[in-house]
Protein backbone atom coordinates (compact mmCIF):
# COMPACT_ATOMS: atom_id res chain seq x y z
CA UNK A 1 137.02 39.33 91.23
CA UNK A 2 140.48 39.56 92.80
CA UNK A 3 140.67 37.66 96.08
CA UNK A 4 143.48 37.15 98.59
CA UNK A 5 143.26 34.30 101.10
CA UNK A 6 145.04 34.63 104.45
CA UNK A 7 145.43 31.92 107.07
CA UNK A 8 147.99 29.84 108.91
CA UNK A 9 149.61 26.75 107.35
CA UNK A 10 147.02 23.96 107.44
CA UNK A 11 144.00 26.27 107.73
CA UNK A 12 142.58 24.96 104.46
CA UNK A 13 143.39 27.94 102.23
CA UNK A 14 144.26 25.69 99.30
CA UNK A 15 140.90 23.93 99.38
CA UNK A 16 138.98 27.20 99.70
CA UNK A 17 141.05 28.70 96.88
CA UNK A 18 140.08 25.85 94.55
CA UNK A 19 136.40 26.16 95.50
CA UNK A 20 136.43 29.93 94.99
CA UNK A 21 138.24 29.65 91.67
CA UNK A 22 135.63 27.18 90.41
CA UNK A 23 132.71 29.22 91.77
CA UNK A 24 133.84 32.50 90.20
CA UNK A 25 135.55 30.89 87.17
CA UNK A 26 138.89 32.61 87.81
CA UNK A 27 142.46 31.24 88.07
CA UNK A 28 143.68 29.76 91.34
CA UNK A 29 147.12 31.28 91.88
CA UNK A 30 148.80 29.30 94.67
CA UNK A 31 152.23 30.32 95.89
CA UNK A 32 152.76 26.86 97.38
CA UNK A 33 152.79 25.37 93.89
CA UNK A 34 154.99 28.19 92.59
CA UNK A 35 157.50 27.72 95.44
CA UNK A 36 157.66 23.94 94.97
CA UNK A 37 158.19 24.37 91.25
CA UNK A 38 161.01 26.83 91.92
CA UNK A 39 162.53 24.60 94.64
CA UNK A 40 162.62 21.60 92.31
CA UNK A 41 164.50 23.55 89.64
CA UNK A 42 168.27 23.14 89.62
CA UNK A 43 168.95 26.87 89.67
CA UNK A 44 170.44 29.27 92.20
CA UNK A 45 166.96 30.65 92.93
CA UNK A 46 165.56 27.13 93.26
CA UNK A 47 168.24 26.10 95.75
CA UNK A 48 167.59 29.23 97.82
CA UNK A 49 163.85 28.55 97.94
CA UNK A 50 164.43 24.88 98.79
CA UNK A 51 166.65 25.79 101.74
CA UNK A 52 164.00 28.02 103.32
CA UNK A 53 161.22 25.46 102.73
CA UNK A 54 163.25 22.68 104.40
CA UNK A 55 163.87 24.86 107.45
CA UNK A 56 160.23 25.94 107.70
CA UNK A 57 161.27 29.59 107.32
CA UNK A 58 159.61 32.28 105.23
CA UNK A 59 161.09 32.75 101.79
CA UNK A 60 162.59 36.29 101.67
CA UNK A 61 160.33 39.02 100.33
CA UNK A 62 162.45 39.85 97.30
CA UNK A 63 162.39 36.25 96.05
CA UNK A 64 158.67 35.78 96.74
CA UNK A 65 157.75 39.04 95.04
CA UNK A 66 159.73 38.11 91.92
CA UNK A 67 157.95 34.76 91.64
CA UNK A 68 154.45 36.17 92.25
CA UNK A 69 154.81 39.24 90.02
CA UNK A 70 155.87 37.04 87.13
CA UNK A 71 152.75 34.88 87.57
CA UNK A 72 150.42 37.88 87.83
CA UNK A 73 151.77 39.22 84.55
CA UNK A 74 150.07 36.37 82.66
CA UNK A 75 146.98 37.16 80.59
CA UNK A 76 144.75 34.60 82.33
CA UNK A 77 144.61 36.66 85.55
CA UNK A 78 143.63 39.95 83.91
CA UNK A 79 139.96 39.62 84.91
CA UNK A 80 140.47 38.09 88.35
CA UNK A 81 142.22 35.50 90.50
CA UNK A 82 142.33 33.79 93.88
CA UNK A 83 145.74 34.35 95.47
CA UNK A 84 146.61 31.74 98.09
CA UNK A 85 149.72 32.17 100.25
CA UNK A 86 150.65 35.73 99.33
CA UNK A 87 151.07 38.28 100.75
CA UNK A 88 152.47 37.11 104.10
CA UNK A 89 153.94 40.42 105.25
CA UNK A 90 152.92 44.07 105.02
CA UNK A 91 155.87 44.70 102.70
CA UNK A 92 154.58 42.01 100.35
CA UNK A 93 151.09 43.52 100.56
CA UNK A 94 152.48 46.88 99.46
CA UNK A 95 154.33 45.21 96.59
CA UNK A 96 151.14 43.46 95.49
CA UNK A 97 149.14 46.70 95.58
CA UNK A 98 151.78 48.44 93.49
CA UNK A 99 151.95 45.59 90.96
CA UNK A 100 148.16 45.69 90.52
CA UNK A 101 148.03 49.49 90.36
CA UNK A 102 150.56 49.45 87.52
CA UNK A 103 147.95 47.55 85.50
CA UNK A 104 145.02 49.68 86.71
CA UNK A 105 143.70 46.94 89.00
CA UNK A 106 143.06 46.47 92.72
CA UNK A 107 142.00 43.79 95.18
CA UNK A 108 138.29 43.27 95.85
CA UNK A 109 138.46 41.32 99.12
CA UNK A 110 140.83 39.64 101.58
CA UNK A 111 139.49 36.56 103.39
CA UNK A 112 141.22 35.36 106.57
CA UNK A 113 140.60 31.71 107.52
CA UNK A 114 140.75 31.50 111.34
CA UNK A 115 141.58 28.21 113.13
CA UNK A 116 142.90 27.03 116.53
CA UNK A 117 146.66 26.39 116.69
CA UNK A 118 146.30 22.93 118.30
CA UNK A 119 144.04 21.87 115.45
CA UNK A 120 146.49 23.23 112.89
CA UNK A 121 149.35 21.17 114.31
CA UNK A 122 147.26 17.99 114.20
CA UNK A 123 146.07 18.68 110.66
CA UNK A 124 149.53 19.41 109.29
CA UNK A 125 151.09 16.38 110.97
CA UNK A 126 148.70 14.17 108.99
CA UNK A 127 149.24 15.80 105.59
CA UNK A 128 150.84 13.79 102.80
CA UNK A 129 151.92 15.22 99.44
CA UNK A 130 152.46 13.43 96.13
CA UNK A 131 156.15 13.50 95.29
CA UNK A 132 155.30 13.65 91.57
CA UNK A 133 152.26 15.92 91.01
CA UNK A 134 152.01 17.78 94.34
CA UNK A 135 148.45 16.69 95.18
CA UNK A 136 147.85 17.00 98.95
CA UNK A 137 146.00 14.45 101.09
CA UNK A 138 145.19 14.34 104.80
CA UNK A 139 144.97 11.00 106.61
CA UNK A 140 143.08 12.66 109.48
CA UNK A 141 139.94 13.08 107.36
CA UNK A 142 138.24 10.17 105.60
CA UNK A 143 137.28 12.17 102.51
CA UNK A 144 140.83 13.51 102.11
CA UNK A 145 142.61 10.14 102.35
CA UNK A 146 144.02 8.43 99.24
CA UNK A 147 142.21 5.30 98.05
CA UNK A 148 145.43 3.33 98.57
CA UNK A 149 147.69 4.21 101.48
CA UNK A 150 150.84 6.01 100.36
CA UNK A 151 149.77 6.21 96.69
CA UNK A 152 148.41 9.26 94.82
CA UNK A 153 144.92 8.80 93.35
CA UNK A 154 145.74 11.09 90.42
CA UNK A 155 149.08 9.83 89.14
CA UNK A 156 150.09 6.83 91.25
CA UNK A 157 153.04 8.74 92.70
CA UNK A 158 154.48 8.17 96.17
CA UNK A 159 152.92 10.16 99.02
CA UNK A 160 155.41 11.66 101.45
CA UNK A 161 155.43 13.89 104.52
CA UNK A 162 157.13 17.17 103.66
CA UNK A 163 160.16 18.17 105.74
CA UNK A 164 158.32 21.28 106.95
CA UNK A 165 155.34 19.28 108.27
CA UNK A 166 156.80 17.59 111.34
CA UNK A 167 155.53 18.98 114.69
CA UNK A 168 158.64 20.97 115.65
CA UNK A 169 158.97 22.69 112.27
CA UNK A 170 155.20 23.30 112.25
CA UNK A 171 155.44 25.16 115.57
CA UNK A 172 158.20 27.37 114.17
CA UNK A 173 156.16 28.04 111.02
CA UNK A 174 153.18 29.08 113.15
CA UNK A 175 155.33 31.35 115.30
CA UNK A 176 156.60 33.14 112.20
CA UNK A 177 153.10 33.28 110.72
CA UNK A 178 151.56 34.84 113.84
CA UNK A 179 154.36 37.40 114.03
CA UNK A 180 153.59 38.62 110.51
CA UNK A 181 149.85 38.06 110.25
CA UNK A 182 148.59 40.51 112.88
CA UNK A 183 150.04 43.62 111.16
CA UNK A 184 148.94 42.21 107.79
CA UNK A 185 145.34 41.87 108.94
CA UNK A 186 145.46 45.41 110.34
CA UNK A 187 146.76 46.64 106.96
CA UNK A 188 143.82 45.15 105.07
CA UNK A 189 141.30 46.03 107.77
CA UNK A 190 142.20 49.71 107.42
CA UNK A 191 141.53 49.40 103.69
CA UNK A 192 138.10 47.90 104.39
CA UNK A 193 138.99 44.68 102.57
CA UNK A 194 139.30 42.14 105.41
CA UNK A 195 136.65 39.50 106.13
CA UNK A 196 137.25 36.76 108.75
CA UNK A 197 135.81 33.24 108.51
CA UNK A 198 136.06 30.65 111.31
CA UNK A 199 137.21 27.13 110.41
CA UNK A 200 137.90 25.50 113.80
CA UNK A 201 136.24 22.41 115.31
CA UNK A 202 137.04 20.34 112.21
CA UNK A 203 134.38 21.92 110.03
CA UNK A 204 134.13 20.35 106.58
CA UNK A 205 135.57 22.33 103.63
CA UNK A 206 132.03 22.66 102.26
CA UNK A 207 130.80 24.18 105.54
CA UNK A 208 133.69 26.65 105.57
CA UNK A 209 133.06 27.50 101.92
CA UNK A 210 129.41 28.28 102.65
CA UNK A 211 130.60 30.67 105.36
CA UNK A 212 133.10 32.23 102.94
CA UNK A 213 130.35 32.88 100.38
CA UNK A 214 128.14 34.33 103.13
CA UNK A 215 130.96 36.68 104.16
CA UNK A 216 131.44 37.78 100.55
CA UNK A 217 127.72 38.54 100.25
CA UNK A 218 127.77 40.97 103.20
């Protein structure tokens, strides 16, 4: 199964992507991880990506497409994947369709995680990311907090607040997201691929996942 997850920053796409990947036994292809890996590299491309991430702006389509296409060329995604964080624009959606068609493949479903903006801002403001391994925690939710404050459970690395997760930058990220997401949802709706799942009112990831599976079964 080839799945795309849509949703604003902080909507819980990463968690749902991991749950879906485990459930269907397919790779979890997250652009967030790919972008951070590129941004940490001391290359011209890495410095470009890092600049956009710091400012809370979208990485330009041509750079994003290059990164994602390279990942989707790997053998492990030939039978399916969960794609989290891409596409974010209609242009990117077209590029993805073309890349899959070249290999005789197509998407099976696009799931949009819907959540209130006020809740998103609160969620993102409490996120902390391991500087070393990239594991994400959220101090707002008991089950998503690290065992020791400021320390990663997995590797012992320092937990930090990313530059793009302070309230002002978050608001700008959401403005950009909303500007691009409406036409993107229309694009996939016309193809009969779009399914929407509500995640507001601080539903647990497990509750949202049950709703995702129910939507897939329809």
